[in-house]
PDB file of N, CA and C in Angstrom:
ATOM      1  N   MET A   1      -8.819 -44.732   4.865  1.00  0.00           N
ATOM      2  CA  MET A   1      -8.830 -43.678   5.863  1.00  0.00           C
ATOM      3  C   MET A   1      -9.058 -42.347   5.159  1.00  0.00           C
ATOM      4  N   SER A   2     -10.072 -41.633   5.561  1.00  0.00           N
ATOM      5  CA  SER A   2     -10.331 -40.331   4.941  1.00  0.00           C
ATOM      6  C   SER A   2      -9.591 -39.243   5.699  1.00  0.00           C
ATOM      7  N   LYS A   3      -9.408 -38.126   5.042  1.00  0.00           N
ATOM      8  CA  LYS A   3      -8.682 -37.015   5.659  1.00  0.00           C
ATOM      9  C   LYS A   3      -9.377 -36.516   6.921  1.00  0.00           C
ATOM     10  N   LYS A   4     -10.697 -36.522   6.933  1.00  0.00           N
ATOM     11  CA  LYS A   4     -11.432 -35.949   8.054  1.00  0.00           C
ATOM     12  C   LYS A   4     -11.485 -36.869   9.270  1.00  0.00           C
ATOM     13  N   THR A   5     -11.398 -38.186   9.064  1.00  0.00           N
ATOM     14  CA  THR A   5     -11.508 -39.108  10.178  1.00  0.00           C
ATOM     15  C   THR A   5     -10.169 -39.679  10.623  1.00  0.00           C
ATOM     16  N   ALA A   6      -9.077 -39.161  10.078  1.00  0.00           N
ATOM     17  CA  ALA A   6      -7.766 -39.685  10.414  1.00  0.00           C
ATOM     18  C   ALA A   6      -7.413 -39.379  11.864  1.00  0.00           C
ATOM     19  N   VAL A   7      -7.145 -40.429  12.628  1.00  0.00           N
ATOM     20  CA  VAL A   7      -6.654 -40.277  13.994  1.00  0.00           C
ATOM     21  C   VAL A   7      -5.239 -40.843  13.978  1.00  0.00           C
ATOM     22  N   PHE A   8      -4.287 -39.979  14.188  1.00  0.00           N
ATOM     23  CA  PHE A   8      -2.892 -40.378  14.059  1.00  0.00           C
ATOM     24  C   PHE A   8      -2.380 -41.003  15.348  1.00  0.00           C
ATOM     25  N   THR A   9      -1.721 -42.144  15.204  1.00  0.00           N
ATOM     26  CA  THR A   9      -1.038 -42.803  16.314  1.00  0.00           C
ATOM     27  C   THR A   9       0.381 -43.093  15.860  1.00  0.00           C
ATOM     28  N   LEU A  10       1.354 -42.616  16.612  1.00  0.00           N
ATOM     29  CA  LEU A  10       2.755 -42.814  16.263  1.00  0.00           C
ATOM     30  C   LEU A  10       3.148 -44.268  16.531  1.00  0.00           C
ATOM     31  N   PRO A  11       3.710 -44.952  15.533  1.00  0.00           N
ATOM     32  CA  PRO A  11       4.149 -46.340  15.751  1.00  0.00           C
ATOM     33  C   PRO A  11       5.284 -46.394  16.782  1.00  0.00           C
ATOM     34  N   GLU A  12       5.402 -47.529  17.457  1.00  0.00           N
ATOM     35  CA  GLU A  12       6.423 -47.665  18.501  1.00  0.00           C
ATOM     36  C   GLU A  12       7.839 -47.639  17.952  1.00  0.00           C
ATOM     37  N   TRP A  13       8.031 -47.924  16.670  1.00  0.00           N
ATOM     38  CA  TRP A  13       9.367 -47.946  16.092  1.00  0.00           C
ATOM     39  C   TRP A  13       9.876 -46.553  15.715  1.00  0.00           C
ATOM     40  N   ILE A  14       9.062 -45.525  15.923  1.00  0.00           N
ATOM     41  CA  ILE A  14       9.499 -44.140  15.711  1.00  0.00           C
ATOM     42  C   ILE A  14       9.644 -43.493  17.086  1.00  0.00           C
ATOM     43  N   ASP A  15      10.799 -42.917  17.337  1.00  0.00           N
ATOM     44  CA  ASP A  15      11.075 -42.258  18.609  1.00  0.00           C
ATOM     45  C   ASP A  15      10.173 -41.034  18.771  1.00  0.00           C
ATOM     46  N   ALA A  16       9.414 -40.994  19.860  1.00  0.00           N
ATOM     47  CA  ALA A  16       8.439 -39.918  20.070  1.00  0.00           C
ATOM     48  C   ALA A  16       9.113 -38.549  20.176  1.00  0.00           C
ATOM     49  N   GLN A  17      10.251 -38.472  20.848  1.00  0.00           N
ATOM     50  CA  GLN A  17      10.966 -37.193  20.987  1.00  0.00           C
ATOM     51  C   GLN A  17      11.455 -36.706  19.624  1.00  0.00           C
ATOM     52  N   GLN A  18      11.988 -37.622  18.842  1.00  0.00           N
ATOM     53  CA  GLN A  18      12.475 -37.244  17.508  1.00  0.00           C
ATOM     54  C   GLN A  18      11.311 -36.788  16.622  1.00  0.00           C
ATOM     55  N   TRP A  19      10.176 -37.480  16.718  1.00  0.00           N
ATOM     56  CA  TRP A  19       8.999 -37.092  15.933  1.00  0.00           C
ATOM     57  C   TRP A  19       8.540 -35.694  16.340  1.00  0.00           C
ATOM     58  N   ALA A  20       8.554 -35.413  17.641  1.00  0.00           N
ATOM     59  CA  ALA A  20       8.176 -34.080  18.130  1.00  0.00           C
ATOM     60  C   ALA A  20       9.123 -33.015  17.569  1.00  0.00           C
ATOM     61  N   GLU A  21      10.401 -33.354  17.473  1.00  0.00           N
ATOM     62  CA  GLU A  21      11.379 -32.423  16.891  1.00  0.00           C
ATOM     63  C   GLU A  21      11.084 -32.184  15.413  1.00  0.00           C
ATOM     64  N   PHE A  22      10.692 -33.236  14.703  1.00  0.00           N
ATOM     65  CA  PHE A  22      10.360 -33.086  13.287  1.00  0.00           C
ATOM     66  C   PHE A  22       9.116 -32.203  13.128  1.00  0.00           C
ATOM     67  N   LEU A  23       8.122 -32.411  13.988  1.00  0.00           N
ATOM     68  CA  LEU A  23       6.911 -31.588  13.924  1.00  0.00           C
ATOM     69  C   LEU A  23       7.232 -30.121  14.234  1.00  0.00           C
ATOM     70  N   ALA A  24       8.107 -29.895  15.211  1.00  0.00           N
ATOM     71  CA  ALA A  24       8.520 -28.531  15.537  1.00  0.00           C
ATOM     72  C   ALA A  24       9.275 -27.905  14.367  1.00  0.00           C
ATOM     73  N   HIS A  25      10.106 -28.709  13.723  1.00  0.00           N
ATOM     74  CA  HIS A  25      10.844 -28.251  12.534  1.00  0.00           C
ATOM     75  C   HIS A  25       9.869 -27.830  11.440  1.00  0.00           C
ATOM     76  N   ARG A  26       8.861 -28.658  11.192  1.00  0.00           N
ATOM     77  CA  ARG A  26       7.859 -28.330  10.166  1.00  0.00           C
ATOM     78  C   ARG A  26       7.105 -27.052  10.532  1.00  0.00           C
ATOM     79  N   LYS A  27       6.797 -26.903  11.812  1.00  0.00           N
ATOM     80  CA  LYS A  27       6.088 -25.698  12.259  1.00  0.00           C
ATOM     81  C   LYS A  27       6.959 -24.455  12.048  1.00  0.00           C
ATOM     82  N   GLN A  28       8.248 -24.595  12.322  1.00  0.00           N
ATOM     83  CA  GLN A  28       9.178 -23.479  12.123  1.00  0.00           C
ATOM     84  C   GLN A  28       9.276 -23.111  10.640  1.00  0.00           C
ATOM     85  N   LEU A  29       9.138 -24.098   9.766  1.00  0.00           N
ATOM     86  CA  LEU A  29       9.142 -23.837   8.322  1.00  0.00           C
ATOM     87  C   LEU A  29       7.818 -23.249   7.847  1.00  0.00           C
ATOM     88  N   LYS A  30       6.882 -23.112   8.779  1.00  0.00           N
ATOM     89  CA  LYS A  30       5.528 -22.641   8.486  1.00  0.00           C
ATOM     90  C   LYS A  30       4.794 -23.643   7.574  1.00  0.00           C
ATOM     91  N   LYS A  31       5.080 -24.936   7.822  1.00  0.00           N
ATOM     92  CA  LYS A  31       4.447 -26.046   7.108  1.00  0.00           C
ATOM     93  C   LYS A  31       4.015 -27.106   8.128  1.00  0.00           C
ATOM     94  N   PRO A  32       3.134 -26.714   9.064  1.00  0.00           N
ATOM     95  CA  PRO A  32       2.726 -27.695  10.086  1.00  0.00           C
ATOM     96  C   PRO A  32       2.006 -28.882   9.457  1.00  0.00           C
ATOM     97  N   MET A  33       2.096 -30.030  10.135  1.00  0.00           N
ATOM     98  CA  MET A  33       1.508 -31.259   9.605  1.00  0.00           C
ATOM     99  C   MET A  33       0.165 -31.546  10.261  1.00  0.00           C
ATOM    100  N   THR A  34      -0.816 -31.865   9.440  1.00  0.00           N
ATOM    101  CA  THR A  34      -2.103 -32.329   9.947  1.00  0.00           C
ATOM    102  C   THR A  34      -1.929 -33.777  10.397  1.00  0.00           C
ATOM    103  N   GLU A  35      -2.941 -34.303  11.059  1.00  0.00           N
ATOM    104  CA  GLU A  35      -2.875 -35.712  11.448  1.00  0.00           C
ATOM    105  C   GLU A  35      -2.781 -36.603  10.214  1.00  0.00           C
ATOM    106  N   TYR A  36      -3.498 -36.247   9.170  1.00  0.00           N
ATOM    107  CA  TYR A  36      -3.451 -37.036   7.949  1.00  0.00           C
ATOM    108  C   TYR A  36      -2.063 -36.968   7.311  1.00  0.00           C
ATOM    109  N   ALA A  37      -1.450 -35.798   7.307  1.00  0.00           N
ATOM    110  CA  ALA A  37      -0.095 -35.656   6.766  1.00  0.00           C
ATOM    111  C   ALA A  37       0.892 -36.500   7.575  1.00  0.00           C
ATOM    112  N   GLN A  38       0.709 -36.560   8.883  1.00  0.00           N
ATOM    113  CA  GLN A  38       1.568 -37.399   9.718  1.00  0.00           C
ATOM    114  C   GLN A  38       1.392 -38.874   9.356  1.00  0.00           C
ATOM    115  N   HIS A  39       0.156 -39.278   9.129  1.00  0.00           N
ATOM    116  CA  HIS A  39      -0.123 -40.648   8.711  1.00  0.00           C
ATOM    117  C   HIS A  39       0.616 -40.967   7.404  1.00  0.00           C
ATOM    118  N   LEU A  40       0.558 -40.045   6.448  1.00  0.00           N
ATOM    119  CA  LEU A  40       1.239 -40.249   5.169  1.00  0.00           C
ATOM    120  C   LEU A  40       2.760 -40.290   5.344  1.00  0.00           C
ATOM    121  N   ALA A  41       3.278 -39.448   6.223  1.00  0.00           N
ATOM    122  CA  ALA A  41       4.723 -39.423   6.476  1.00  0.00           C
ATOM    123  C   ALA A  41       5.179 -40.753   7.072  1.00  0.00           C
ATOM    124  N   VAL A  42       4.378 -41.318   7.958  1.00  0.00           N
ATOM    125  CA  VAL A  42       4.723 -42.613   8.551  1.00  0.00           C
ATOM    126  C   VAL A  42       4.720 -43.699   7.479  1.00  0.00           C
ATOM    127  N   LYS A  43       3.796 -43.615   6.528  1.00  0.00           N
ATOM    128  CA  LYS A  43       3.782 -44.586   5.426  1.00  0.00           C
ATOM    129  C   LYS A  43       5.080 -44.503   4.619  1.00  0.00           C
ATOM    130  N   VAL A  44       5.586 -43.291   4.423  1.00  0.00           N
ATOM    131  CA  VAL A  44       6.859 -43.101   3.714  1.00  0.00           C
ATOM    132  C   VAL A  44       7.988 -43.747   4.522  1.00  0.00           C
ATOM    133  N   LEU A  45       8.002 -43.493   5.821  1.00  0.00           N
ATOM    134  CA  LEU A  45       9.038 -44.078   6.679  1.00  0.00           C
ATOM    135  C   LEU A  45       8.932 -45.601   6.716  1.00  0.00           C
ATOM    136  N   GLU A  46       7.722 -46.135   6.647  1.00  0.00           N
ATOM    137  CA  GLU A  46       7.538 -47.592   6.601  1.00  0.00           C
ATOM    138  C   GLU A  46       8.196 -48.182   5.354  1.00  0.00           C
ATOM    139  N   LYS A  47       8.060 -47.488   4.228  1.00  0.00           N
ATOM    140  CA  LYS A  47       8.693 -47.955   2.982  1.00  0.00           C
ATOM    141  C   LYS A  47      10.214 -47.966   3.127  1.00  0.00           C
ATOM    142  N   PHE A  48      10.758 -46.890   3.705  1.00  0.00           N
ATOM    143  CA  PHE A  48      12.204 -46.827   3.916  1.00  0.00           C
ATOM    144  C   PHE A  48      12.648 -47.948   4.851  1.00  0.00           C
ATOM    145  N   ARG A  49      11.891 -48.172   5.899  1.00  0.00           N
ATOM    146  CA  ARG A  49      12.203 -49.210   6.890  1.00  0.00           C
ATOM    147  C   ARG A  49      12.165 -50.590   6.232  1.00  0.00           C
ATOM    148  N   ALA A  50      11.178 -50.836   5.396  1.00  0.00           N
ATOM    149  CA  ALA A  50      11.061 -52.120   4.699  1.00  0.00           C
ATOM    150  C   ALA A  50      12.230 -52.343   3.738  1.00  0.00           C
ATOM    151  N   ALA A  51      12.791 -51.250   3.233  1.00  0.00           N
ATOM    152  CA  ALA A  51      13.938 -51.334   2.322  1.00  0.00           C
ATOM    153  C   ALA A  51      15.256 -51.430   3.076  1.00  0.00           C
ATOM    154  N   GLY A  52      15.184 -51.487   4.421  1.00  0.00           N
ATOM    155  CA  GLY A  52      16.388 -51.649   5.228  1.00  0.00           C
ATOM    156  C   GLY A  52      17.004 -50.368   5.733  1.00  0.00           C
ATOM    157  N   HIS A  53      16.310 -49.257   5.609  1.00  0.00           N
ATOM    158  CA  HIS A  53      16.841 -47.980   6.083  1.00  0.00           C
ATOM    159  C   HIS A  53      16.342 -47.682   7.494  1.00  0.00           C
ATOM    160  N   ASP A  54      17.118 -46.925   8.219  1.00  0.00           N
ATOM    161  CA  ASP A  54      16.748 -46.498   9.560  1.00  0.00           C
ATOM    162  C   ASP A  54      15.866 -45.257   9.450  1.00  0.00           C
ATOM    163  N   PRO A  55      14.601 -45.325   9.900  1.00  0.00           N
ATOM    164  CA  PRO A  55      13.723 -44.154   9.821  1.00  0.00           C
ATOM    165  C   PRO A  55      14.296 -42.943  10.559  1.00  0.00           C
ATOM    166  N   LYS A  56      15.029 -43.195  11.641  1.00  0.00           N
ATOM    167  CA  LYS A  56      15.641 -42.106  12.406  1.00  0.00           C
ATOM    168  C   LYS A  56      16.598 -41.308  11.521  1.00  0.00           C
ATOM    169  N   ALA A  57      17.347 -41.994  10.683  1.00  0.00           N
ATOM    170  CA  ALA A  57      18.290 -41.315   9.787  1.00  0.00           C
ATOM    171  C   ALA A  57      17.555 -40.416   8.801  1.00  0.00           C
ATOM    172  N   SER A  58      16.412 -40.858   8.332  1.00  0.00           N
ATOM    173  CA  SER A  58      15.619 -40.053   7.396  1.00  0.00           C
ATOM    174  C   SER A  58      15.109 -38.783   8.072  1.00  0.00           C
ATOM    175  N   ILE A  59      14.587 -38.929   9.281  1.00  0.00           N
ATOM    176  CA  ILE A  59      14.071 -37.771  10.017  1.00  0.00           C
ATOM    177  C   ILE A  59      15.198 -36.797  10.333  1.00  0.00           C
ATOM    178  N   ASP A  60      16.320 -37.326  10.843  1.00  0.00           N
ATOM    179  CA  ASP A  60      17.466 -36.471  11.165  1.00  0.00           C
ATOM    180  C   ASP A  60      17.974 -35.729   9.931  1.00  0.00           C
ATOM    181  N   GLN A  61      18.050 -36.425   8.807  1.00  0.00           N
ATOM    182  CA  GLN A  61      18.519 -35.816   7.561  1.00  0.00           C
ATOM    183  C   GLN A  61      17.618 -34.650   7.152  1.00  0.00           C
ATOM    184  N   SER A  62      16.301 -34.834   7.273  1.00  0.00           N
ATOM    185  CA  SER A  62      15.367 -33.776   6.884  1.00  0.00           C
ATOM    186  C   SER A  62      15.499 -32.558   7.783  1.00  0.00           C
ATOM    187  N   ILE A  63      15.628 -32.793   9.082  1.00  0.00           N
ATOM    188  CA  ILE A  63      15.785 -31.669  10.014  1.00  0.00           C
ATOM    189  C   ILE A  63      17.104 -30.957   9.747  1.00  0.00           C
ATOM    190  N   LEU A  64      18.177 -31.717   9.608  1.00  0.00           N
ATOM    191  CA  LEU A  64      19.506 -31.142   9.401  1.00  0.00           C
ATOM    192  C   LEU A  64      19.580 -30.284   8.146  1.00  0.00           C
ATOM    193  N   ASN A  65      18.925 -30.751   7.084  1.00  0.00           N
ATOM    194  CA  ASN A  65      19.001 -30.039   5.813  1.00  0.00           C
ATOM    195  C   ASN A  65      17.882 -29.028   5.605  1.00  0.00           C
ATOM    196  N   GLY A  66      16.995 -28.891   6.578  1.00  0.00           N
ATOM    197  CA  GLY A  66      15.916 -27.920   6.467  1.00  0.00           C
ATOM    198  C   GLY A  66      14.838 -28.320   5.477  1.00  0.00           C
ATOM    199  N   TRP A  67      14.674 -29.622   5.253  1.00  0.00           N
ATOM    200  CA  TRP A  67      13.688 -30.112   4.300  1.00  0.00           C
ATOM    201  C   TRP A  67      12.346 -30.305   4.980  1.00  0.00           C
ATOM    202  N   GLN A  68      11.266 -30.105   4.246  1.00  0.00           N
ATOM    203  CA  GLN A  68       9.948 -30.342   4.830  1.00  0.00           C
ATOM    204  C   GLN A  68       9.515 -31.790   4.638  1.00  0.00           C
ATOM    205  N   GLY A  69      10.088 -32.492   3.661  1.00  0.00           N
ATOM    206  CA  GLY A  69       9.715 -33.880   3.395  1.00  0.00           C
ATOM    207  C   GLY A  69      10.693 -34.867   3.996  1.00  0.00           C
ATOM    208  N   LEU A  70      10.349 -36.144   3.857  1.00  0.00           N
ATOM    209  CA  LEU A  70      11.201 -37.233   4.322  1.00  0.00           C
ATOM    210  C   LEU A  70      11.724 -37.987   3.104  1.00  0.00           C
ATOM    211  N   PHE A  71      13.029 -38.259   3.110  1.00  0.00           N
ATOM    212  CA  PHE A  71      13.672 -38.876   1.964  1.00  0.00           C
ATOM    213  C   PHE A  71      14.565 -40.010   2.412  1.00  0.00           C
ATOM    214  N   GLU A  72      14.841 -40.929   1.482  1.00  0.00           N
ATOM    215  CA  GLU A  72      15.737 -42.042   1.769  1.00  0.00           C
ATOM    216  C   GLU A  72      17.081 -41.482   2.224  1.00  0.00           C
ATOM    217  N   PRO A  73      17.629 -41.998   3.318  1.00  0.00           N
ATOM    218  CA  PRO A  73      18.912 -41.474   3.806  1.00  0.00           C
ATOM    219  C   PRO A  73      19.999 -41.596   2.749  1.00  0.00           C
ATOM    220  N   ARG A  74      20.726 -40.525   2.535  1.00  0.00           N
ATOM    221  CA  ARG A  74      21.728 -40.483   1.465  1.00  0.00           C
ATOM    222  C   ARG A  74      22.909 -41.396   1.732  1.00  0.00           C
ATOM    223  N   GLY A  75      23.492 -41.312   2.903  1.00  0.00           N
ATOM    224  CA  GLY A  75      24.671 -42.127   3.208  1.00  0.00           C
ATOM    225  C   GLY A  75      24.370 -43.606   3.103  1.00  0.00           C
ATOM    226  N   GLU A  76      23.188 -44.013   3.545  1.00  0.00           N
ATOM    227  CA  GLU A  76      22.797 -45.413   3.476  1.00  0.00           C
ATOM    228  C   GLU A  76      22.554 -45.833   2.032  1.00  0.00           C
ATOM    229  N   ALA A  77      22.034 -44.937   1.218  1.00  0.00           N
ATOM    230  CA  ALA A  77      21.762 -45.272  -0.181  1.00  0.00           C
ATOM    231  C   ALA A  77      23.065 -45.607  -0.897  1.00  0.00           C
ATOM    232  N   VAL A  78      24.123 -44.872  -0.600  1.00  0.00           N
ATOM    233  CA  VAL A  78      25.418 -45.136  -1.213  1.00  0.00           C
ATOM    234  C   VAL A  78      25.929 -46.501  -0.768  1.00  0.00           C
ATOM    235  N   ALA A  79      25.764 -46.818   0.517  1.00  0.00           N
ATOM    236  CA  ALA A  79      26.214 -48.107   1.028  1.00  0.00           C
ATOM    237  C   ALA A  79      25.446 -49.245   0.361  1.00  0.00           C
ATOM    238  N   ARG A  80      24.151 -49.066   0.150  1.00  0.00           N
ATOM    239  CA  ARG A  80      23.352 -50.112  -0.477  1.00  0.00           C
ATOM    240  C   ARG A  80      23.796 -50.338  -1.911  1.00  0.00           C
ATOM    241  N   VAL A  81      24.139 -49.279  -2.649  1.00  0.00           N
ATOM    242  CA  VAL A  81      24.599 -49.435  -4.022  1.00  0.00           C
ATOM    243  C   VAL A  81      25.915 -50.200  -4.033  1.00  0.00           C
ATOM    244  N   THR A  82      26.808 -49.886  -3.100  1.00  0.00           N
ATOM    245  CA  THR A  82      28.077 -50.596  -2.999  1.00  0.00           C
ATOM    246  C   THR A  82      27.826 -52.073  -2.739  1.00  0.00           C
ATOM    247  N   ASN A  83      26.916 -52.388  -1.834  1.00  0.00           N
ATOM    248  CA  ASN A  83      26.612 -53.775  -1.530  1.00  0.00           C
ATOM    249  C   ASN A  83      26.028 -54.486  -2.743  1.00  0.00           C
ATOM    250  N   LYS A  84      25.194 -53.814  -3.505  1.00  0.00           N
ATOM    251  CA  LYS A  84      24.641 -54.404  -4.718  1.00  0.00           C
ATOM    252  C   LYS A  84      25.755 -54.684  -5.717  1.00  0.00           C
ATOM    253  N   GLN A  85      26.698 -53.758  -5.847  1.00  0.00           N
ATOM    254  CA  GLN A  85      27.818 -53.950  -6.766  1.00  0.00           C
ATOM    255  C   GLN A  85      28.657 -55.133  -6.328  1.00  0.00           C
ATOM    256  N   GLU A  86      28.944 -55.224  -5.033  1.00  0.00           N
ATOM    257  CA  GLU A  86      29.724 -56.349  -4.531  1.00  0.00           C
ATOM    258  C   GLU A  86      28.992 -57.670  -4.779  1.00  0.00           C
ATOM    259  N   ALA A  87      27.689 -57.684  -4.570  1.00  0.00           N
ATOM    260  CA  ALA A  87      26.902 -58.900  -4.801  1.00  0.00           C
ATOM    261  C   ALA A  87      26.947 -59.294  -6.276  1.00  0.00           C
ATOM    262  N   LEU A  88      26.845 -58.325  -7.168  1.00  0.00           N
ATOM    263  CA  LEU A  88      26.910 -58.597  -8.609  1.00  0.00           C
ATOM    264  C   LEU A  88      28.272 -59.162  -8.986  1.00  0.00           C
ATOM    265  N   GLU A  89      29.340 -58.567  -8.457  1.00  0.00           N
ATOM    266  CA  GLU A  89      30.680 -59.055  -8.767  1.00  0.00           C
ATOM    267  C   GLU A  89      30.890 -60.475  -8.254  1.00  0.00           C
ATOM    268  N   GLU A  90      30.393 -60.767  -7.061  1.00  0.00           N
ATOM    269  CA  GLU A  90      30.524 -62.117  -6.517  1.00  0.00           C
ATOM    270  C   GLU A  90      29.735 -63.117  -7.364  1.00  0.00           C
ATOM    271  N   ARG A  91      28.548 -62.735  -7.799  1.00  0.00           N
ATOM    272  CA  ARG A  91      27.745 -63.605  -8.652  1.00  0.00           C
ATOM    273  C   ARG A  91      28.488 -63.892  -9.958  1.00  0.00           C
ATOM    274  N   ASN A  92      29.103 -62.861 -10.527  1.00  0.00           N
ATOM    275  CA  ASN A  92      29.855 -63.042 -11.774  1.00  0.00           C
ATOM    276  C   ASN A  92      31.054 -63.964 -11.570  1.00  0.00           C
ATOM    277  N   ARG A  93      31.747 -63.837 -10.434  1.00  0.00           N
ATOM    278  CA  ARG A  93      32.879 -64.725 -10.146  1.00  0.00           C
ATOM    279  C   ARG A  93      32.402 -66.168 -10.027  1.00  0.00           C
ATOM    280  N   ALA A  94      31.262 -66.372  -9.349  1.00  0.00           N
ATOM    281  CA  ALA A  94      30.722 -67.726  -9.178  1.00  0.00           C
ATOM    282  C   ALA A  94      30.344 -68.340 -10.523  1.00  0.00           C
ATOM    283  N   VAL A  95      29.741 -67.552 -11.390  1.00  0.00           N
ATOM    284  CA  VAL A  95      29.383 -68.051 -12.727  1.00  0.00           C
ATOM    285  C   VAL A  95      30.652 -68.416 -13.484  1.00  0.00           C
ATOM    286  N   GLY A  96      31.673 -67.599 -13.388  1.00  0.00           N
ATOM    287  CA  GLY A  96      32.951 -67.878 -14.059  1.00  0.00           C
ATOM    288  C   GLY A  96      33.579 -69.162 -13.544  1.00  0.00           C
ATOM    289  N   ARG A  97      33.527 -69.385 -12.234  1.00  0.00           N
ATOM    290  CA  ARG A  97      34.082 -70.609 -11.662  1.00  0.00           C
ATOM    291  C   ARG A  97      33.309 -71.833 -12.150  1.00  0.00           C
ATOM    292  N   ARG A  98      31.979 -71.731 -12.185  1.00  0.00           N
ATOM    293  CA  ARG A  98      31.168 -72.861 -12.660  1.00  0.00           C
ATOM    294  C   ARG A  98      31.462 -73.152 -14.130  1.00  0.00           C
ATOM    295  N   TRP A  99      31.582 -72.128 -14.914  1.00  0.00           N
ATOM    296  CA  TRP A  99      31.854 -72.272 -16.339  1.00  0.00           C
ATOM    297  C   TRP A  99      33.212 -72.943 -16.561  1.00  0.00           C
ATOM    298  N   ALA A 100      34.224 -72.482 -15.791  1.00  0.00           N
ATOM    299  CA  ALA A 100      35.562 -73.062 -15.918  1.00  0.00           C
ATOM    300  C   ALA A 100      35.578 -74.509 -15.418  1.00  0.00           C
ATOM    301  N   ALA A 101      34.793 -74.831 -14.409  1.00  0.00           N
ATOM    302  CA  ALA A 101      34.753 -76.186 -13.852  1.00  0.00           C
ATOM    303  C   ALA A 101      34.112 -77.187 -14.799  1.00  0.00           C
ATOM    304  N   GLN A 102      33.366 -76.721 -15.769  1.00  0.00           N
ATOM    305  CA  GLN A 102      32.728 -77.622 -16.723  1.00  0.00           C
ATOM    306  C   GLN A 102      33.741 -78.240 -17.677  1.00  0.00           C
ATOM    307  N   GLY A 103      34.976 -77.783 -17.613  1.00  0.00           N
ATOM    308  CA  GLY A 103      36.019 -78.360 -18.432  1.00  0.00           C
ATOM    309  C   GLY A 103      36.088 -77.801 -19.835  1.00  0.00           C
ATOM    310  N   ASP A 104      35.218 -76.888 -20.149  1.00  0.00           N
ATOM    311  CA  ASP A 104      35.155 -76.316 -21.486  1.00  0.00           C
ATOM    312  C   ASP A 104      35.438 -74.824 -21.397  1.00  0.00           C
ATOM    313  N   GLY A 105      36.231 -74.427 -20.395  1.00  0.00           N
ATOM    314  CA  GLY A 105      36.459 -73.022 -20.099  1.00  0.00           C
ATOM    315  C   GLY A 105      37.177 -72.266 -21.190  1.00  0.00           C
ATOM    316  N   ASP A 106      37.939 -72.986 -22.063  1.00  0.00           N
ATOM    317  CA  ASP A 106      38.704 -72.299 -23.099  1.00  0.00           C
ATOM    318  C   ASP A 106      37.922 -72.154 -24.386  1.00  0.00           C
ATOM    319  N   ALA A 107      36.942 -72.988 -24.557  1.00  0.00           N
ATOM    320  CA  ALA A 107      36.221 -73.002 -25.835  1.00  0.00           C
ATOM    321  C   ALA A 107      35.231 -71.867 -25.938  1.00  0.00           C
ATOM    322  N   ILE A 108      35.125 -71.356 -27.166  1.00  0.00           N
ATOM    323  CA  ILE A 108      34.123 -70.328 -27.454  1.00  0.00           C
ATOM    324  C   ILE A 108      33.108 -70.957 -28.393  1.00  0.00           C
ATOM    325  N   HIS A 109      31.863 -70.889 -28.052  1.00  0.00           N
ATOM    326  CA  HIS A 109      30.806 -71.507 -28.875  1.00  0.00           C
ATOM    327  C   HIS A 109      30.037 -70.472 -29.609  1.00  0.00           C
TER     328      HIS A 109
END
């Protein structure tokens, strides 16, 4: 898609009213978005969505903080790190149980 032929269509998974608010926010910052810039912004939101984040949270965060860009939601990022830590700890416990079940749990090789 070239910059000159970009025709922007908002995906159904993005709330149209919220998107309009984001565009108004950008205009107020004196950084209005072209159709091509909107296309690129949606690609960013698609990445966040694929990673399990709510695109609405990203848009709301940017408006709330006066940012012109879209970023991974902060509160969700912390939750994801916690979940990764819990998953790692559970994996380590499972490995320890398997090792102990082999009957050689006391021996050091």
